Protein backbone atom coordinates (compact mmCIF):
# COMPACT_ATOMS: atom_id res chain seq x y z
CA MET A 1 -16.97 58.83 16.84
CA ASP A 2 -16.08 56.00 18.33
CA GLN A 3 -14.78 53.64 15.04
CA LEU A 4 -11.76 51.98 17.21
CA SER A 5 -10.74 52.73 20.96
CA THR A 6 -8.04 54.66 21.60
CA ARG A 7 -5.21 52.36 22.93
CA ALA A 8 -1.14 52.92 23.27
CA LYS A 9 0.79 52.78 20.14
CA ALA A 10 0.00 49.72 18.08
CA PRO A 11 3.33 47.88 16.64
CA GLN A 12 3.35 48.31 12.89
CA ARG A 13 3.79 44.69 12.01
CA GLY A 14 0.29 43.17 11.38
CA ALA A 15 -1.59 46.83 12.07
CA GLU A 16 -2.85 47.24 8.59
CA ARG A 17 -4.42 43.51 8.61
CA ARG A 18 -5.97 44.16 12.51
CA ILE A 19 -7.09 47.97 11.45
CA TYR A 20 -9.30 46.51 8.16
CA ALA A 21 -10.77 43.53 10.25
CA ARG A 22 -11.89 46.00 12.90
CA LEU A 23 -13.54 48.45 10.56
CA ARG A 24 -14.72 45.40 8.68
CA ALA A 25 -16.34 43.99 11.63
CA GLN A 26 -18.25 47.51 12.43
CA ILE A 27 -19.36 47.71 8.96
CA GLU A 28 -20.67 44.15 8.97
CA ASP A 29 -22.50 44.36 12.64
CA ARG A 30 -23.73 48.33 11.85
CA THR A 31 -21.64 49.76 14.78
CA LEU A 32 -20.85 51.61 11.53
CA ALA A 33 -24.49 52.49 9.75
CA PRO A 34 -24.74 53.02 5.95
CA GLY A 35 -23.47 56.61 4.82
CA ALA A 36 -21.70 57.24 8.18
CA ALA A 37 -18.36 59.34 8.02
CA LEU A 38 -15.12 58.07 8.63
CA LEU A 39 -12.07 59.71 10.40
CA SER A 40 -9.59 61.21 7.70
CA THR A 41 -6.51 58.69 7.78
CA ARG A 42 -4.47 61.33 8.93
CA ALA A 43 -6.52 61.17 12.01
CA LEU A 44 -7.02 57.75 12.76
CA ALA A 45 -3.39 57.51 12.16
CA VAL A 46 -2.63 59.70 14.90
CA GLU A 47 -5.33 58.14 17.04
CA LEU A 48 -3.84 54.48 16.43
CA GLY A 49 -0.65 55.70 16.74
CA VAL A 50 0.40 54.27 13.14
CA SER A 51 1.49 55.98 9.92
CA ARG A 52 -1.15 57.47 7.62
CA THR A 53 0.26 55.11 4.85
CA THR A 54 -0.92 52.21 6.44
CA VAL A 55 -4.53 53.95 7.29
CA THR A 56 -4.69 54.51 3.29
CA ALA A 57 -4.06 51.00 2.35
CA VAL A 58 -6.59 50.26 4.73
CA TYR A 59 -9.24 52.60 3.27
CA GLU A 60 -8.29 51.43 -0.09
CA GLN A 61 -8.85 47.92 0.54
CA LEU A 62 -12.18 48.71 2.18
CA ALA A 63 -13.25 50.88 -0.86
CA ALA A 64 -12.05 48.44 -3.60
CA GLU A 65 -14.27 45.61 -2.07
CA GLY A 66 -17.22 48.13 -1.39
CA PHE A 67 -17.69 48.55 2.00
CA ILE A 68 -16.74 52.26 1.53
CA THR A 69 -16.80 54.85 -0.69
CA THR A 70 -13.67 57.20 -1.47
CA ALA A 71 -13.38 60.16 -3.49
CA LYS A 72 -10.01 62.89 -3.71
CA GLY A 73 -11.30 65.86 -1.25
CA LYS A 74 -14.17 63.94 0.48
CA THR A 75 -14.64 62.01 3.49
CA ALA A 76 -14.74 58.51 3.12
CA ARG A 77 -18.35 56.89 3.95
CA VAL A 78 -19.85 53.72 4.51
CA ALA A 79 -21.56 52.40 1.25
CA ASP A 80 -25.05 52.92 1.50
CA GLY A 81 -25.44 49.17 -0.26
CA MET A 82 -24.40 47.77 3.09
CA ASN A 83 -28.22 48.19 4.48
CA THR A 84 -28.97 45.30 3.01
CA LEU A 85 -26.16 43.22 4.25
CA PRO A 86 -27.02 40.32 6.64
CA PRO A 87 -26.30 40.96 10.17
CA THR A 88 -24.85 37.46 10.60
CA LEU A 89 -22.04 37.62 7.58
CA ASP A 90 -19.05 37.08 9.82
CA LYS A 91 -21.05 33.85 11.70
CA PRO A 92 -21.35 30.61 10.13
CA LEU A 93 -25.05 29.85 8.87
CA ALA A 94 -26.90 27.13 11.46
CA ARG A 95 -27.04 23.58 10.47
CA HIS A 96 -30.59 23.74 9.89
CA GLN A 97 -29.73 26.67 7.15
CA GLU A 98 -27.49 25.08 5.01
CA PRO A 99 -28.02 24.28 1.47
CA PRO A 100 -29.11 20.86 1.05
CA LEU A 101 -26.61 18.16 -1.32
CA SER A 102 -27.78 16.79 -4.39
CA LEU A 103 -28.98 13.11 -4.25
CA TYR A 104 -25.02 12.16 -5.10
CA GLY A 105 -23.49 14.58 -2.92
CA GLN A 106 -25.79 13.00 0.09
CA ARG A 107 -24.90 9.44 -0.89
CA VAL A 108 -20.92 10.31 -0.80
CA ALA A 109 -21.76 11.99 2.61
CA ALA A 110 -22.89 8.67 3.72
CA LEU A 111 -19.66 6.37 2.43
CA GLN A 112 -17.68 5.13 5.39
CA SER A 113 -14.86 7.18 5.74
CA TYR A 114 -11.77 4.79 4.51
CA SER A 115 -8.22 6.00 5.01
CA MET A 116 -5.04 3.97 4.99
CA ALA A 117 -2.42 6.85 6.63
CA THR A 118 -0.36 5.51 9.63
CA PRO A 119 0.79 8.56 10.99
CA GLY A 120 4.05 7.30 13.01
CA ALA A 121 5.12 3.79 10.50
CA ARG A 122 8.72 3.79 10.73
CA ILE A 123 8.39 0.51 8.56
CA ASP A 124 4.98 0.92 6.58
CA PHE A 125 3.81 -2.29 4.73
CA ARG A 126 1.16 -0.18 2.79
CA TYR A 127 -0.05 -1.86 -0.21
CA GLY A 128 -0.21 0.02 -2.91
CA ALA A 129 3.29 1.97 -2.17
CA VAL A 130 6.63 1.99 -4.26
CA ASP A 131 9.83 2.98 -3.28
CA SER A 132 10.90 6.38 -4.64
CA ARG A 133 14.14 5.43 -5.31
CA ASP A 134 13.30 2.87 -7.69
CA PHE A 135 12.03 5.70 -9.95
CA PRO A 136 14.49 5.98 -13.01
CA ALA A 137 14.90 9.54 -12.11
CA LEU A 138 17.74 10.12 -14.95
CA ASP A 139 16.20 8.35 -17.93
CA TRP A 140 12.89 10.85 -17.18
CA GLN A 141 14.91 14.01 -16.35
CA ARG A 142 16.63 13.19 -19.84
CA ALA A 143 13.36 13.24 -21.84
CA TYR A 144 11.81 15.69 -19.75
CA ARG A 145 13.99 17.91 -20.77
CA THR A 146 14.95 17.02 -24.13
CA GLU A 147 10.84 17.46 -24.45
CA LEU A 148 11.00 21.09 -23.14
CA LEU A 149 13.44 22.29 -25.53
CA LYS A 150 11.07 20.87 -28.48
CA ARG A 151 8.53 23.50 -30.35
CA PRO A 152 5.14 23.01 -28.27
CA ASP A 153 3.35 20.47 -29.87
CA GLY A 154 -0.04 21.23 -27.92
CA GLU A 155 -1.87 18.68 -25.57
CA PRO A 156 -3.84 16.92 -28.47
CA ALA A 157 -0.64 16.04 -30.24
CA ALA A 158 1.41 14.80 -26.91
CA GLU A 159 -1.75 12.65 -25.97
CA ALA A 160 -1.82 11.43 -29.26
CA ARG A 161 1.67 10.42 -28.96
CA LEU A 162 1.09 8.70 -25.50
CA ARG A 163 -1.75 6.40 -27.02
CA SER A 164 0.19 5.37 -29.52
CA ALA A 165 3.13 4.34 -27.74
CA LEU A 166 0.97 2.31 -25.15
CA GLN A 167 -1.09 0.69 -27.98
CA GLY A 168 2.23 -0.85 -29.02
CA TYR A 169 3.36 -1.29 -25.63
CA LEU A 170 0.13 -3.28 -24.53
CA ARG A 171 0.13 -5.58 -27.35
CA ARG A 172 3.54 -6.67 -26.38
CA ALA A 173 3.32 -6.42 -22.69
CA ARG A 174 -0.32 -7.64 -21.92
CA GLY A 175 -1.23 -9.12 -25.59
CA LEU A 176 -4.09 -6.91 -26.08
CA ALA A 177 -4.56 -5.57 -29.52
CA CYS A 178 -6.59 -2.52 -29.90
CA ASP A 179 -6.84 0.80 -31.93
CA VAL A 180 -5.18 3.80 -31.25
CA GLU A 181 -8.63 5.57 -30.74
CA GLN A 182 -10.05 3.05 -28.06
CA ILE A 183 -7.25 4.63 -25.88
CA VAL A 184 -8.38 7.30 -23.53
CA ILE A 185 -5.72 8.68 -20.81
CA VAL A 186 -6.88 9.70 -17.66
CA GLN A 187 -5.54 10.94 -14.06
CA GLY A 188 -4.85 7.53 -12.30
CA SER A 189 -7.27 4.47 -12.77
CA GLN A 190 -9.47 5.70 -10.57
CA GLN A 191 -10.32 8.59 -12.81
CA GLY A 192 -11.28 5.66 -15.31
CA VAL A 193 -13.38 3.85 -12.56
CA ASP A 194 -15.63 7.20 -11.58
CA LEU A 195 -16.25 7.53 -15.34
CA CYS A 196 -17.19 4.06 -15.47
CA ALA A 197 -19.38 4.65 -12.65
CA ARG A 198 -21.03 7.71 -13.91
CA LEU A 199 -21.69 6.98 -17.70
CA LEU A 200 -22.74 2.98 -17.43
CA LEU A 201 -24.85 2.91 -14.05
CA ASP A 202 -28.35 5.13 -12.96
CA PRO A 203 -29.70 4.89 -9.47
CA GLY A 204 -31.16 1.33 -8.99
CA ASP A 205 -28.79 -0.92 -11.08
CA ALA A 206 -26.89 -3.14 -9.48
CA PHE A 207 -22.69 -4.25 -10.30
CA VAL A 208 -21.08 -7.50 -9.47
CA PHE A 209 -18.02 -7.05 -7.41
CA GLU A 210 -15.42 -9.34 -5.93
CA ASP A 211 -15.59 -10.24 -2.33
CA PRO A 212 -13.03 -8.99 -0.69
CA GLY A 213 -12.64 -6.00 -3.33
CA TYR A 214 -10.81 -2.82 -4.00
CA ARG A 215 -13.12 -0.60 -1.58
CA MET A 216 -12.88 2.69 -3.50
CA ALA A 217 -13.74 1.23 -6.69
CA ARG A 218 -17.08 -0.09 -4.81
CA TYR A 219 -17.60 3.53 -3.35
CA SER A 220 -17.39 4.98 -7.31
CA PHE A 221 -20.35 2.58 -8.05
CA GLU A 222 -22.20 3.02 -4.95
CA SER A 223 -21.96 7.12 -5.35
CA VAL A 224 -24.27 6.90 -8.34
CA GLY A 225 -26.78 4.79 -6.48
CA ALA A 226 -25.77 1.44 -7.86
CA HIS A 227 -25.92 -1.37 -5.21
CA ALA A 228 -23.25 -3.91 -5.01
CA LEU A 229 -23.82 -7.51 -5.81
CA PRO A 230 -20.61 -9.35 -3.75
CA ILE A 231 -19.37 -12.46 -4.94
CA ALA A 232 -16.85 -14.04 -3.16
CA VAL A 233 -13.20 -15.26 -4.33
CA ASP A 234 -11.24 -18.25 -3.68
CA GLU A 235 -7.97 -19.51 -5.10
CA GLY A 236 -9.40 -19.73 -8.82
CA GLY A 237 -10.56 -15.87 -8.46
CA LEU A 238 -14.04 -14.69 -8.45
CA ASP A 239 -16.47 -17.43 -8.52
CA THR A 240 -18.31 -17.53 -11.80
CA GLY A 241 -20.80 -19.85 -10.66
CA GLN A 242 -22.13 -17.48 -8.41
CA LEU A 243 -22.91 -14.89 -11.43
CA PRO A 244 -26.43 -13.52 -10.85
CA ASN A 245 -29.22 -13.62 -13.47
CA ASP A 246 -30.33 -10.45 -12.60
CA GLU A 247 -31.61 -8.10 -15.31
CA ARG A 248 -30.59 -4.91 -13.19
CA VAL A 249 -26.71 -5.78 -13.62
CA ARG A 250 -25.03 -3.33 -15.86
CA LEU A 251 -21.67 -4.26 -14.77
CA ALA A 252 -19.00 -6.73 -13.21
CA TYR A 253 -15.84 -5.15 -11.76
CA VAL A 254 -12.92 -7.40 -11.48
CA THR A 255 -8.87 -7.63 -11.14
CA PRO A 256 -8.09 -11.14 -13.03
CA SER A 257 -4.59 -11.10 -13.31
CA HIS A 258 -3.94 -10.51 -9.30
CA GLN A 259 -7.26 -10.57 -7.25
CA PHE A 260 -6.93 -7.45 -5.20
CA PRO A 261 -6.55 -8.04 -2.52
CA MET A 262 -6.24 -11.90 -2.19
CA GLY A 263 -3.86 -12.57 -4.79
CA SER A 264 -5.68 -15.20 -7.24
CA VAL A 265 -5.17 -15.44 -10.82
CA LEU A 266 -9.07 -15.94 -12.56
CA SER A 267 -8.59 -19.32 -14.54
CA VAL A 268 -9.29 -19.29 -18.23
CA THR A 269 -12.44 -21.16 -17.34
CA ARG A 270 -13.86 -18.76 -15.27
CA ARG A 271 -12.78 -16.13 -17.67
CA LEU A 272 -14.61 -17.51 -20.41
CA GLU A 273 -17.57 -18.13 -17.96
CA LEU A 274 -17.46 -14.28 -17.48
CA LEU A 275 -17.47 -12.85 -20.95
CA GLU A 276 -20.05 -15.17 -21.69
CA TRP A 277 -21.90 -13.97 -18.90
CA ALA A 278 -21.25 -10.44 -20.11
CA ASN A 279 -22.71 -10.98 -23.60
CA GLU A 280 -25.60 -13.14 -22.70
CA HIS A 281 -26.78 -10.21 -20.20
CA HIS A 282 -25.48 -7.31 -22.09
CA ALA A 283 -23.34 -6.28 -19.30
CA TRP A 284 -19.74 -4.39 -18.62
CA ILE A 285 -16.82 -5.93 -17.80
CA ILE A 286 -13.87 -3.42 -16.04
CA GLU A 287 -10.77 -5.15 -16.06
CA ASP A 288 -8.27 -3.04 -13.32
CA ASP A 289 -5.17 -4.39 -14.12
CA TYR A 290 -3.34 -2.67 -11.26
CA GLY A 291 -0.34 -4.98 -11.34
CA GLY A 292 -0.19 -7.17 -13.92
CA GLU A 293 3.32 -6.56 -15.23
CA PHE A 294 4.23 -8.25 -12.00
CA ARG A 295 4.18 -11.89 -11.88
CA TYR A 296 7.38 -13.89 -10.53
CA GLY A 297 8.44 -17.18 -12.15
CA GLN A 298 6.94 -16.95 -15.51
CA ARG A 299 6.20 -14.47 -18.02
CA PRO A 300 2.65 -12.08 -17.24
CA ILE A 301 -0.57 -13.49 -17.84
CA ASP A 302 -2.37 -12.04 -20.70
CA ALA A 303 -5.40 -9.44 -19.77
CA LEU A 304 -8.65 -10.48 -19.95
CA ARG A 305 -9.36 -7.96 -22.46
CA SER A 306 -6.93 -10.00 -25.21
CA ILE A 307 -9.79 -12.80 -25.50
CA ASP A 308 -12.85 -10.54 -25.64
CA ALA A 309 -14.17 -11.09 -28.99
CA ASN A 310 -17.72 -9.35 -27.99
CA GLU A 311 -16.10 -6.03 -26.65
CA ARG A 312 -17.75 -6.27 -23.60
CA VAL A 313 -14.25 -5.51 -21.51
CA ILE A 314 -13.26 -2.26 -20.48
CA TYR A 315 -9.45 -2.31 -19.50
CA ALA A 316 -8.29 -0.05 -16.98
CA GLY A 317 -4.10 0.26 -16.90
CA THR A 318 -1.70 2.47 -14.98
CA VAL A 319 1.90 3.25 -14.56
CA SER A 320 1.21 3.79 -10.78
CA LYS A 321 3.09 0.84 -9.79
CA ALA A 322 6.05 0.93 -12.62
CA LEU A 323 6.55 4.25 -11.54
CA THR A 324 4.61 6.40 -9.08
CA PRO A 325 1.24 6.91 -8.08
CA ARG A 326 2.53 10.89 -7.81
CA LEU A 327 2.13 10.85 -11.90
CA ARG A 328 -1.27 10.50 -11.74
CA LEU A 329 -1.62 8.93 -15.42
CA GLY A 330 -3.65 5.77 -16.11
CA TYR A 331 -5.43 4.67 -19.55
CA LEU A 332 -8.79 3.22 -20.54
CA VAL A 333 -8.86 0.51 -23.30
CA LEU A 334 -12.64 0.98 -24.61
CA PRO A 335 -15.40 -1.11 -26.49
CA HIS A 336 -15.56 1.25 -29.72
CA ALA A 337 -19.24 1.76 -28.84
CA LEU A 338 -17.78 3.37 -25.99
CA VAL A 339 -15.28 5.85 -27.20
CA HIS A 340 -17.06 9.15 -28.04
CA VAL A 341 -19.26 9.08 -24.27
CA PHE A 342 -15.94 8.65 -22.65
CA ASN A 343 -13.87 10.97 -24.41
CA GLN A 344 -16.58 13.62 -24.09
CA ALA A 345 -17.02 13.11 -20.31
CA LYS A 346 -13.62 13.07 -19.79
CA ARG A 347 -13.35 16.45 -21.64
CA LEU A 348 -16.42 18.13 -18.71
CA SER A 349 -14.69 17.02 -16.24
CA ASP A 350 -10.73 17.70 -17.05
CA ARG A 351 -9.84 19.58 -19.78
CA GLN A 352 -6.43 19.86 -19.55
CA SER A 353 -4.35 17.14 -19.27
CA PRO A 354 -0.31 17.07 -18.46
CA ARG A 355 0.99 17.05 -21.62
CA TRP A 356 4.65 17.05 -21.00
CA GLU A 357 4.35 14.16 -18.31
CA HIS A 358 2.35 12.33 -21.63
CA SER A 359 5.18 13.22 -23.97
CA VAL A 360 7.98 12.11 -21.71
CA LEU A 361 6.17 8.39 -21.08
CA ALA A 362 5.47 8.16 -24.67
CA THR A 363 9.14 8.75 -25.34
CA LEU A 364 10.42 6.54 -22.68
CA ILE A 365 8.28 3.51 -23.90
CA ASP A 366 8.89 4.26 -27.52
CA SER A 367 13.13 3.82 -26.90
CA GLY A 368 12.49 1.12 -25.15
CA ILE A 369 13.52 2.42 -21.72
CA TYR A 370 10.17 1.74 -19.74
CA GLU A 371 10.25 -1.82 -20.79
CA ARG A 372 13.86 -1.90 -19.25
CA HIS A 373 12.70 -0.33 -16.58
CA VAL A 374 9.62 -2.68 -15.68
CA ARG A 375 11.90 -5.91 -16.19
CA ARG A 376 14.92 -4.25 -13.61
CA LEU A 377 12.05 -3.33 -11.13
CA ARG A 378 10.21 -7.00 -11.34
CA ARG A 379 13.08 -8.14 -10.44
CA ALA A 380 14.19 -6.01 -7.30
CA ASN A 381 10.48 -6.38 -6.16
CA GLU A 382 10.99 -10.35 -6.40
CA ARG A 383 13.88 -9.91 -4.04
CA ARG A 384 11.45 -8.11 -1.58
CA ARG A 385 9.12 -10.72 -2.28
CA LYS A 386 11.67 -13.52 -1.41
CA ALA A 387 12.25 -11.44 2.16
CA LEU A 388 8.82 -11.25 2.97
CA ILE A 389 8.46 -14.98 2.49
CA GLU A 390 11.53 -15.99 4.17
CA ALA A 391 10.76 -13.67 7.11
CA ILE A 392 7.46 -15.07 7.35
CA ASP A 393 8.67 -18.60 7.83
CA ARG A 394 11.64 -17.24 10.14
CA HIS A 395 9.41 -15.18 12.70
CA LEU A 396 6.21 -16.89 12.12
CA PRO A 397 6.49 -20.90 11.87
CA GLY A 398 3.60 -22.72 11.45
CA GLN A 399 1.36 -19.31 12.99
CA ALA A 400 0.60 -17.80 9.70
CA GLN A 401 0.13 -18.42 5.76
CA LEU A 402 1.15 -15.73 3.40
CA LEU A 403 -1.40 -15.65 0.21
CA GLY A 404 -1.20 -14.02 -3.12
CA MET A 405 2.61 -13.81 -3.66
CA ALA A 406 2.90 -15.36 -7.10
CA ALA A 407 2.12 -11.74 -8.64
CA GLY A 408 1.53 -8.22 -7.69
CA LEU A 409 2.90 -6.08 -4.96
CA HIS A 410 1.55 -7.02 -1.34
CA GLY A 411 0.33 -10.55 0.18
CA VAL A 412 -1.69 -11.20 2.67
CA LEU A 413 -0.81 -12.88 5.98
CA LEU A 414 -3.45 -15.49 7.28
CA LEU A 415 -3.52 -15.86 10.90
CA PRO A 416 -5.59 -19.09 11.31
CA THR A 417 -5.75 -18.92 15.06
CA LEU A 418 -6.86 -15.60 15.76
CA ARG A 419 -10.11 -14.54 14.59
CA ALA A 420 -10.77 -10.90 12.22
CA GLN A 421 -11.97 -9.14 15.25
CA ALA A 422 -8.68 -8.89 16.63
CA GLU A 423 -7.44 -7.27 13.35
CA PRO A 424 -7.75 -3.79 14.57
CA ALA A 425 -5.64 -4.25 17.72
CA LEU A 426 -3.28 -5.99 16.00
CA GLN A 427 -2.81 -2.94 13.61
CA ALA A 428 -2.81 -0.54 16.47
CA ALA A 429 -0.20 -2.63 18.70
CA ALA A 430 2.01 -2.88 15.64
CA LEU A 431 1.87 1.16 15.18
CA GLU A 432 3.27 1.73 18.40
CA GLN A 433 6.41 -0.08 17.66
CA GLY A 434 6.51 1.87 14.40
CA VAL A 435 5.17 -0.96 11.87
CA GLY A 436 1.95 -0.13 9.78
CA VAL A 437 0.23 -2.88 8.62
CA TYR A 438 -3.46 -3.08 6.89
CA PRO A 439 -6.51 -5.13 8.29
CA LEU A 440 -8.10 -6.82 5.77
CA THR A 441 -11.99 -6.91 6.82
CA PRO A 442 -12.75 -3.57 5.90
CA LEU A 443 -12.21 -4.92 2.28
CA PHE A 444 -15.52 -7.22 2.71
CA ALA A 445 -18.95 -6.25 1.45
CA GLU A 446 -19.69 -7.34 5.10
CA SER A 447 -17.14 -5.24 6.92
CA VAL A 448 -17.91 -6.90 10.49
CA PRO A 449 -18.42 -10.58 10.17
CA ALA A 450 -21.58 -11.51 11.81
CA THR A 451 -19.91 -14.50 13.27
CA GLY A 452 -16.38 -15.27 14.54
CA GLU A 453 -16.18 -18.03 11.24
CA ARG A 454 -13.47 -15.68 9.78
CA PRO A 455 -9.93 -15.48 10.43
CA ALA A 456 -7.62 -12.66 10.96
CA ALA A 457 -5.70 -11.45 8.23
CA LEU A 458 -3.31 -8.47 7.24
CA ILE A 459 -2.38 -6.85 4.24
CA LEU A 460 1.24 -6.58 3.64
CA GLY A 461 2.69 -4.50 0.61
CA TYR A 462 6.26 -4.81 0.31
CA ALA A 463 7.55 -2.46 -2.84
CA GLY A 464 8.12 0.35 -0.86
CA LEU A 465 10.77 -1.48 1.38
CA THR A 466 13.75 -2.51 1.40
CA VAL A 467 14.81 -5.86 2.21
CA GLU A 468 16.41 -5.00 5.65
CA ALA A 469 13.33 -3.10 6.53
CA ILE A 470 11.29 -6.07 5.40
CA GLU A 471 13.32 -8.45 7.94
CA GLN A 472 12.99 -5.88 10.59
CA GLY A 473 9.51 -5.07 10.28
CA ILE A 474 8.45 -8.46 9.99
CA GLY A 475 10.28 -9.25 13.61
CA ILE A 476 8.24 -7.02 15.30
CA LEU A 477 4.95 -7.96 14.19
CA ALA A 478 5.38 -11.41 14.92
CA GLN A 479 6.50 -10.49 18.41
CA VAL A 480 3.12 -7.85 18.73
CA ILE A 481 1.02 -11.22 17.11
CA ARG A 482 2.78 -13.38 19.96
CA ARG A 483 2.01 -11.15 22.82
CA TYR A 484 -1.85 -10.78 21.52
CA ARG A 485 -1.95 -14.31 21.65
């Protein structure tokens, strides 16, 4: 019986794994037929030069998985049921045998891959990043320890505490009044956008989208089968004069406090026009307030939701920019008509939320620590912003224009003498020097411009860098741009 070829004594390390894999493979490929007797554990151990304990463990594992049958005092045998085992169990299915994806899955698979990863970037101007050293570690640690010592109050109570704290904070910081029940806590604003896509759009519907705009939000809406109606943005934000009179439109996604990525602020006139349009067309507005707390030289502009008299606006907020994206904590403020269905959908996709984090954040907000931290962080980011502006003026005088710097945590570096087609080459050349920068073009609906009219532009995030790193990085980038010219 040639179960395993006789060989010199195998080393004990890994022997159990190798014997198991060999026996299982011989059972699966019918070398050992159903009902075939196996050597005793003693005989097989002697043949392989391993301990009997090792072979016994292998047999027990195979028996537990149903490949063999064993009984005290009887010979171990291949299980009879193995005659129904597919002969190619250990081989991957051929492509034509793969089960088909759902329509949703097919749409997701067809989305163009998009990644901001820049491995090797020593100085990374990645937008959306924050400096981990800005995190209020001591305050968070104290509050977390206090919550751990308390009697557990359960997830619903912790979430209710956070909703109540956010209600007060939003009124103070964003001019937004709402009921506690209108706030739904989500795992980051992206989950909130995904819920909106699933609950408010059907295949064939349309949605208004800023052009350029936040790509991952557009992907969420397109994944459910809706079609984007891109509308250009200018220095006044979304051009509301282009809002469509289309019965297919179900929602508009906007970033009015600091348009992503161009940085413009939606004017009051356009805000009122957008609200009027949504009311007339029974459309929803998703207000992504991803960086509304960070405005320099004057107080932050109140949220669009604060002047919504007809409950057409869904407000999406996050603590990622003020604390850290790693917390995955965001929230929606919903019209009353949508509260029940969003809560139900949230439970279906995510029943368990981070109770301790909810309680800690509620404590920081109620104590005033969170708002003091935001003010301190605003001053730190203003220093970084100033450093970026001065570095551009010093290293690229008259050669570049920095847009969208009145608020937020990033700017757009416009290079009027270069075309958009140069962006990938500039990004690659900068990365070779250890500097990570990000092209603007992929954020347009037409990611490859049909003509050469669009100037090159790079998105530069500064919140994750020190003042010294900003100066050094822009110096290197300026050299790359000059060499490219």
